[in-house]
């Protein structure tokens, strides 16, 4: 019995006939054999997903200190998003009144702003 007879390959088709004669023929990996469980086909083995690295703190502190740890920038007029609506309405009217008083003082109609 030939060594190749059980592997299903022909020695004449193999690129290296010496290895084929010795029975050292490269066989491609077979796919998982399906098994029937509860009227559905299921593979006999599963492929595990590769693990991924979530985070690393190595050297991060030194790199942050090189750039300098800075305070967050503050804006001149912070957003009023999320502020009490009653306060926002009053604030809008107060700003309008202040602008009107400054305009009148500039025109000479008012002495005190």
N, C-alpha and C. Protein backbone atom coordinates (compact mmCIF):
# COMPACT_ATOMS: atom_id res chain seq x y z
N UNK A 1 0.84 -1.17 0.00
CA UNK A 1 0.00 0.00 0.00
C UNK A 1 0.89 1.24 0.00
N UNK A 2 0.58 2.18 -0.86
CA UNK A 2 1.37 3.38 -0.97
C UNK A 2 1.04 4.33 0.18
N UNK A 3 2.04 5.16 0.59
CA UNK A 3 1.83 6.12 1.68
C UNK A 3 0.85 7.19 1.28
N UNK A 4 0.72 7.47 -0.02
CA UNK A 4 -0.18 8.52 -0.49
C UNK A 4 -1.60 8.04 -0.70
N UNK A 5 -1.81 6.77 -0.65
CA UNK A 5 -3.14 6.26 -0.95
C UNK A 5 -4.16 6.67 0.10
N UNK A 6 -3.73 6.85 1.35
CA UNK A 6 -4.70 7.22 2.39
C UNK A 6 -4.91 8.72 2.49
N UNK A 7 -4.03 9.55 1.88
CA UNK A 7 -4.21 10.98 2.02
C UNK A 7 -4.99 11.58 0.86
N UNK A 8 -5.22 10.81 -0.20
CA UNK A 8 -6.07 11.28 -1.28
C UNK A 8 -5.36 12.16 -2.28
N UNK A 9 -4.00 12.18 -2.31
CA UNK A 9 -3.28 13.00 -3.27
C UNK A 9 -2.47 12.10 -4.18
N UNK A 10 -2.23 12.58 -5.35
CA UNK A 10 -1.48 11.83 -6.34
C UNK A 10 -0.02 12.25 -6.27
N UNK A 11 0.94 11.31 -6.25
CA UNK A 11 2.36 11.61 -6.14
C UNK A 11 2.87 12.31 -7.38
N UNK A 12 2.28 12.04 -8.53
CA UNK A 12 2.75 12.68 -9.76
C UNK A 12 2.37 14.16 -9.80
N UNK A 13 1.33 14.56 -9.09
CA UNK A 13 0.90 15.96 -9.07
C UNK A 13 1.62 16.78 -8.02
N UNK A 14 2.36 16.15 -7.12
CA UNK A 14 3.04 16.86 -6.05
C UNK A 14 4.27 17.56 -6.61
N UNK A 15 4.58 18.83 -6.15
CA UNK A 15 5.73 19.55 -6.69
C UNK A 15 7.07 18.89 -6.36
N UNK A 16 7.17 18.18 -5.24
CA UNK A 16 8.40 17.52 -4.86
C UNK A 16 8.14 16.02 -4.79
N UNK A 17 8.49 15.26 -5.84
CA UNK A 17 8.15 13.83 -5.86
C UNK A 17 8.88 13.02 -4.79
N UNK A 18 10.05 13.51 -4.32
CA UNK A 18 10.78 12.77 -3.27
C UNK A 18 10.00 12.78 -1.96
N UNK A 19 9.49 13.95 -1.62
CA UNK A 19 8.68 14.02 -0.40
C UNK A 19 7.38 13.25 -0.56
N UNK A 20 6.84 13.27 -1.76
CA UNK A 20 5.60 12.54 -2.01
C UNK A 20 5.82 11.04 -1.86
N UNK A 21 7.00 10.57 -2.27
CA UNK A 21 7.30 9.14 -2.16
C UNK A 21 7.47 8.74 -0.70
N UNK A 22 7.97 9.66 0.12
CA UNK A 22 8.14 9.36 1.54
C UNK A 22 6.83 9.50 2.32
N UNK A 23 5.83 10.08 1.70
CA UNK A 23 4.55 10.25 2.38
C UNK A 23 4.44 11.55 3.14
N UNK A 24 5.40 12.46 2.93
CA UNK A 24 5.38 13.75 3.62
C UNK A 24 4.75 14.79 2.70
N UNK A 25 3.50 14.67 2.47
CA UNK A 25 2.78 15.55 1.56
C UNK A 25 2.04 16.58 2.39
N UNK A 26 2.13 17.83 1.95
CA UNK A 26 1.40 18.90 2.65
C UNK A 26 -0.08 18.75 2.38
N UNK A 27 -0.84 18.65 3.44
CA UNK A 27 -2.29 18.56 3.31
C UNK A 27 -2.91 19.86 3.83
N UNK A 28 -3.81 20.43 3.08
CA UNK A 28 -4.46 21.64 3.60
C UNK A 28 -5.32 21.30 4.80
N UNK A 29 -5.43 22.27 5.71
CA UNK A 29 -6.25 22.06 6.92
C UNK A 29 -7.71 21.91 6.51
N UNK A 30 -8.34 20.96 7.10
CA UNK A 30 -9.73 20.72 6.76
C UNK A 30 -10.63 21.66 7.55
N UNK A 31 -11.77 21.94 6.98
CA UNK A 31 -12.74 22.78 7.66
C UNK A 31 -13.44 21.95 8.72
N UNK A 32 -14.04 22.59 9.72
CA UNK A 32 -14.71 21.83 10.76
C UNK A 32 -15.85 20.99 10.21
N UNK A 33 -15.97 19.81 10.72
CA UNK A 33 -17.01 18.91 10.27
C UNK A 33 -18.33 19.28 10.93
N UNK A 34 -19.38 19.53 10.13
CA UNK A 34 -20.65 19.90 10.76
C UNK A 34 -21.30 18.69 11.44
N UNK A 35 -21.91 18.95 12.58
CA UNK A 35 -22.60 17.92 13.35
C UNK A 35 -24.04 18.38 13.52
N UNK A 36 -24.98 17.46 13.40
CA UNK A 36 -26.38 17.83 13.52
C UNK A 36 -26.82 17.74 14.97
N UNK A 37 -27.28 18.89 15.52
CA UNK A 37 -27.78 18.96 16.89
C UNK A 37 -29.13 19.66 16.84
N UNK A 38 -30.17 19.00 17.29
CA UNK A 38 -31.53 19.55 17.31
C UNK A 38 -31.94 20.10 15.94
N UNK A 39 -31.77 19.30 14.91
CA UNK A 39 -32.16 19.63 13.55
C UNK A 39 -31.45 20.87 13.00
N UNK A 40 -30.24 21.18 13.48
CA UNK A 40 -29.46 22.27 12.92
C UNK A 40 -28.00 21.86 12.87
N UNK A 41 -27.28 22.33 11.88
CA UNK A 41 -25.88 21.97 11.72
C UNK A 41 -25.02 22.89 12.57
N UNK A 42 -24.10 22.31 13.35
CA UNK A 42 -23.23 23.05 14.24
C UNK A 42 -21.80 22.60 13.96
N UNK A 43 -20.84 23.52 13.93
CA UNK A 43 -19.44 23.16 13.70
C UNK A 43 -18.89 22.49 14.95
N UNK A 44 -17.92 21.59 14.74
CA UNK A 44 -17.38 20.83 15.88
C UNK A 44 -16.42 21.66 16.72
N UNK A 45 -15.76 22.65 16.14
CA UNK A 45 -14.89 23.51 16.94
C UNK A 45 -15.08 24.96 16.50
N UNK A 46 -14.84 25.88 17.44
CA UNK A 46 -15.03 27.29 17.15
C UNK A 46 -13.69 27.99 17.13
N UNK A 47 -13.62 29.11 16.46
CA UNK A 47 -12.41 29.90 16.36
C UNK A 47 -12.48 31.01 17.40
N UNK A 48 -11.44 31.11 18.23
CA UNK A 48 -11.42 32.17 19.24
C UNK A 48 -10.98 33.48 18.60
N UNK A 49 -11.59 34.56 19.06
CA UNK A 49 -11.20 35.88 18.56
C UNK A 49 -9.92 36.33 19.25
N UNK A 50 -9.16 37.15 18.55
CA UNK A 50 -7.91 37.65 19.12
C UNK A 50 -8.21 38.64 20.23
N UNK A 51 -7.42 38.59 21.28
CA UNK A 51 -7.58 39.54 22.37
C UNK A 51 -6.97 40.87 21.95
N UNK A 52 -7.60 41.96 22.35
CA UNK A 52 -7.06 43.27 22.02
C UNK A 52 -6.67 43.99 23.31
N UNK A 53 -5.68 44.85 23.19
CA UNK A 53 -5.18 45.59 24.35
C UNK A 53 -6.10 46.79 24.59
N UNK A 54 -6.55 46.97 25.81
CA UNK A 54 -7.48 48.05 26.10
C UNK A 54 -6.76 49.36 26.39
N UNK A 55 -5.80 49.35 27.30
CA UNK A 55 -5.11 50.59 27.64
C UNK A 55 -3.78 50.25 28.29
N UNK A 56 -2.86 51.19 28.22
CA UNK A 56 -1.58 51.01 28.89
C UNK A 56 -1.15 52.36 29.46
N UNK A 57 -0.77 52.39 30.72
CA UNK A 57 -0.33 53.62 31.36
C UNK A 57 1.19 53.73 31.38
N UNK A 58 1.89 52.81 30.76
CA UNK A 58 3.34 52.85 30.76
C UNK A 58 3.83 54.08 30.02
N UNK A 59 4.65 54.91 30.66
CA UNK A 59 5.31 56.07 30.07
C UNK A 59 4.34 57.23 29.83
N UNK A 60 3.03 57.06 30.10
CA UNK A 60 2.06 58.11 29.78
C UNK A 60 2.24 59.32 30.69
N UNK A 61 2.54 59.10 31.98
CA UNK A 61 2.70 60.21 32.91
C UNK A 61 3.89 61.07 32.53
N UNK A 62 4.98 60.46 32.12
CA UNK A 62 6.18 61.21 31.72
C UNK A 62 5.90 62.03 30.47
N UNK A 63 5.17 61.44 29.53
CA UNK A 63 4.86 62.18 28.30
C UNK A 63 3.94 63.37 28.60
N UNK A 64 2.99 63.19 29.52
CA UNK A 64 2.09 64.29 29.88
C UNK A 64 2.84 65.41 30.55
N UNK A 65 3.80 65.08 31.40
CA UNK A 65 4.56 66.10 32.12
C UNK A 65 5.50 66.85 31.18
N UNK A 66 5.96 66.21 30.12
CA UNK A 66 6.83 66.91 29.17
C UNK A 66 6.10 68.06 28.50
N UNK A 67 4.85 67.85 28.14
CA UNK A 67 4.05 68.91 27.51
C UNK A 67 3.54 69.91 28.53
N UNK A 68 3.59 69.55 29.78
CA UNK A 68 3.05 70.42 30.82
C UNK A 68 1.59 70.10 31.04
N UNK A 69 1.21 69.90 32.31
CA UNK A 69 -0.19 69.64 32.62
C UNK A 69 -0.86 70.99 32.77
N UNK A 70 -1.73 71.32 31.84
CA UNK A 70 -2.32 72.65 31.79
C UNK A 70 -3.74 72.64 32.35
N UNK A 71 -4.15 73.79 32.86
CA UNK A 71 -5.54 73.94 33.31
C UNK A 71 -6.43 74.05 32.08
N UNK A 72 -7.68 73.62 32.18
CA UNK A 72 -8.58 73.79 31.04
C UNK A 72 -8.84 75.27 30.80
N UNK A 73 -8.95 75.65 29.53
CA UNK A 73 -9.16 77.06 29.19
C UNK A 73 -10.56 77.48 29.62
N UNK A 74 -10.63 78.67 30.20
CA UNK A 74 -11.93 79.23 30.60
C UNK A 74 -12.32 80.31 29.61
N UNK A 75 -13.58 80.35 29.26
CA UNK A 75 -14.08 81.33 28.30
C UNK A 75 -14.64 82.54 29.05
N UNK A 76 -14.68 83.67 28.36
CA UNK A 76 -15.14 84.91 28.99
C UNK A 76 -16.62 84.81 29.37
N UNK A 77 -17.41 84.25 28.48
CA UNK A 77 -18.83 84.10 28.74
C UNK A 77 -19.18 82.62 28.72
N UNK A 78 -19.29 81.99 29.90
CA UNK A 78 -19.62 80.56 29.91
C UNK A 78 -21.03 80.33 29.39
N UNK A 79 -21.25 79.15 28.87
CA UNK A 79 -22.54 78.80 28.31
C UNK A 79 -23.60 78.75 29.40
N UNK A 80 -24.81 79.18 29.07
CA UNK A 80 -25.93 79.13 30.01
C UNK A 80 -26.78 77.89 29.78
N UNK A 81 -26.23 76.93 29.03
CA UNK A 81 -26.95 75.70 28.77
C UNK A 81 -27.12 74.92 30.07
N UNK A 82 -28.34 74.53 30.37
CA UNK A 82 -28.62 73.78 31.58
C UNK A 82 -28.91 74.65 32.79
N UNK A 83 -28.93 75.99 32.61
CA UNK A 83 -29.21 76.91 33.71
C UNK A 83 -30.74 77.06 33.85
N UNK A 84 -31.16 77.42 35.05
CA UNK A 84 -32.58 77.58 35.36
C UNK A 84 -33.26 78.53 34.37
N UNK A 85 -34.36 78.12 33.72
CA UNK A 85 -35.01 78.98 32.72
C UNK A 85 -35.49 80.32 33.27
N UNK A 86 -35.93 80.35 34.52
CA UNK A 86 -36.39 81.60 35.13
C UNK A 86 -35.23 82.59 35.21
N UNK A 87 -34.08 82.10 35.61
CA UNK A 87 -32.88 82.95 35.70
C UNK A 87 -32.49 83.45 34.31
N UNK A 88 -32.58 82.58 33.31
CA UNK A 88 -32.17 82.97 31.96
C UNK A 88 -33.07 84.07 31.41
N UNK A 89 -34.37 83.99 31.67
CA UNK A 89 -35.29 85.03 31.20
C UNK A 89 -34.96 86.37 31.87
N UNK A 90 -34.78 86.34 33.18
CA UNK A 90 -34.48 87.57 33.91
C UNK A 90 -33.13 88.14 33.45
N UNK A 91 -32.18 87.28 33.21
CA UNK A 91 -30.85 87.70 32.77
C UNK A 91 -30.93 88.41 31.41
N UNK A 92 -31.76 87.87 30.51
CA UNK A 92 -31.91 88.48 29.19
C UNK A 92 -32.50 89.89 29.32
N UNK A 93 -33.53 90.05 30.17
CA UNK A 93 -34.14 91.38 30.36
C UNK A 93 -33.16 92.34 31.04
N UNK A 94 -32.37 91.84 31.97
CA UNK A 94 -31.40 92.68 32.67
C UNK A 94 -30.33 93.18 31.70
N UNK A 95 -29.86 92.32 30.81
CA UNK A 95 -28.86 92.73 29.83
C UNK A 95 -29.42 93.78 28.89
N UNK A 96 -30.68 93.62 28.50
CA UNK A 96 -31.32 94.58 27.60
C UNK A 96 -31.43 95.95 28.29
N UNK A 97 -31.82 95.94 29.58
CA UNK A 97 -31.95 97.19 30.32
C UNK A 97 -30.60 97.87 30.51
N UNK A 98 -29.54 97.10 30.77
CA UNK A 98 -28.21 97.67 30.97
C UNK A 98 -27.72 98.30 29.67
N UNK A 99 -27.93 97.61 28.54
CA UNK A 99 -27.49 98.15 27.25
C UNK A 99 -28.25 99.44 26.93
N UNK A 100 -29.54 99.49 27.28
CA UNK A 100 -30.35 100.68 27.03
C UNK A 100 -29.86 101.86 27.87
N UNK A 101 -29.52 101.59 29.15
CA UNK A 101 -29.03 102.65 30.03
C UNK A 101 -27.69 103.19 29.53
N UNK A 102 -26.79 102.32 29.07
CA UNK A 102 -25.50 102.77 28.56
C UNK A 102 -25.66 103.60 27.29
N UNK A 103 -26.60 103.20 26.45
CA UNK A 103 -26.85 103.95 25.22
C UNK A 103 -27.39 105.35 25.55
N UNK A 104 -28.30 105.45 26.51
CA UNK A 104 -28.87 106.75 26.89
C UNK A 104 -27.81 107.64 27.52
N UNK A 105 -26.91 107.08 28.30
CA UNK A 105 -25.85 107.88 28.94
C UNK A 105 -24.90 108.42 27.87
N UNK A 106 -24.60 107.60 26.86
CA UNK A 106 -23.71 108.03 25.80
C UNK A 106 -24.34 109.19 25.00
N UNK A 107 -25.67 109.17 24.83
CA UNK A 107 -26.37 110.22 24.10
C UNK A 107 -26.61 111.46 24.95
N UNK A 108 -26.37 111.38 26.25
CA UNK A 108 -26.55 112.52 27.15
C UNK A 108 -27.92 112.63 27.75
N UNK A 109 -28.77 111.62 27.60
CA UNK A 109 -30.11 111.65 28.16
C UNK A 109 -30.13 111.22 29.61
N UNK A 110 -29.07 110.58 30.10
CA UNK A 110 -29.05 110.02 31.45
C UNK A 110 -27.70 110.39 32.08
N UNK A 111 -27.71 110.71 33.39
CA UNK A 111 -26.46 111.09 34.07
C UNK A 111 -25.77 109.87 34.65
N UNK A 112 -26.54 108.95 35.28
CA UNK A 112 -25.97 107.78 35.93
C UNK A 112 -26.33 106.55 35.09
N UNK A 113 -25.31 105.73 34.88
CA UNK A 113 -25.56 104.54 34.07
C UNK A 113 -26.08 103.42 34.93
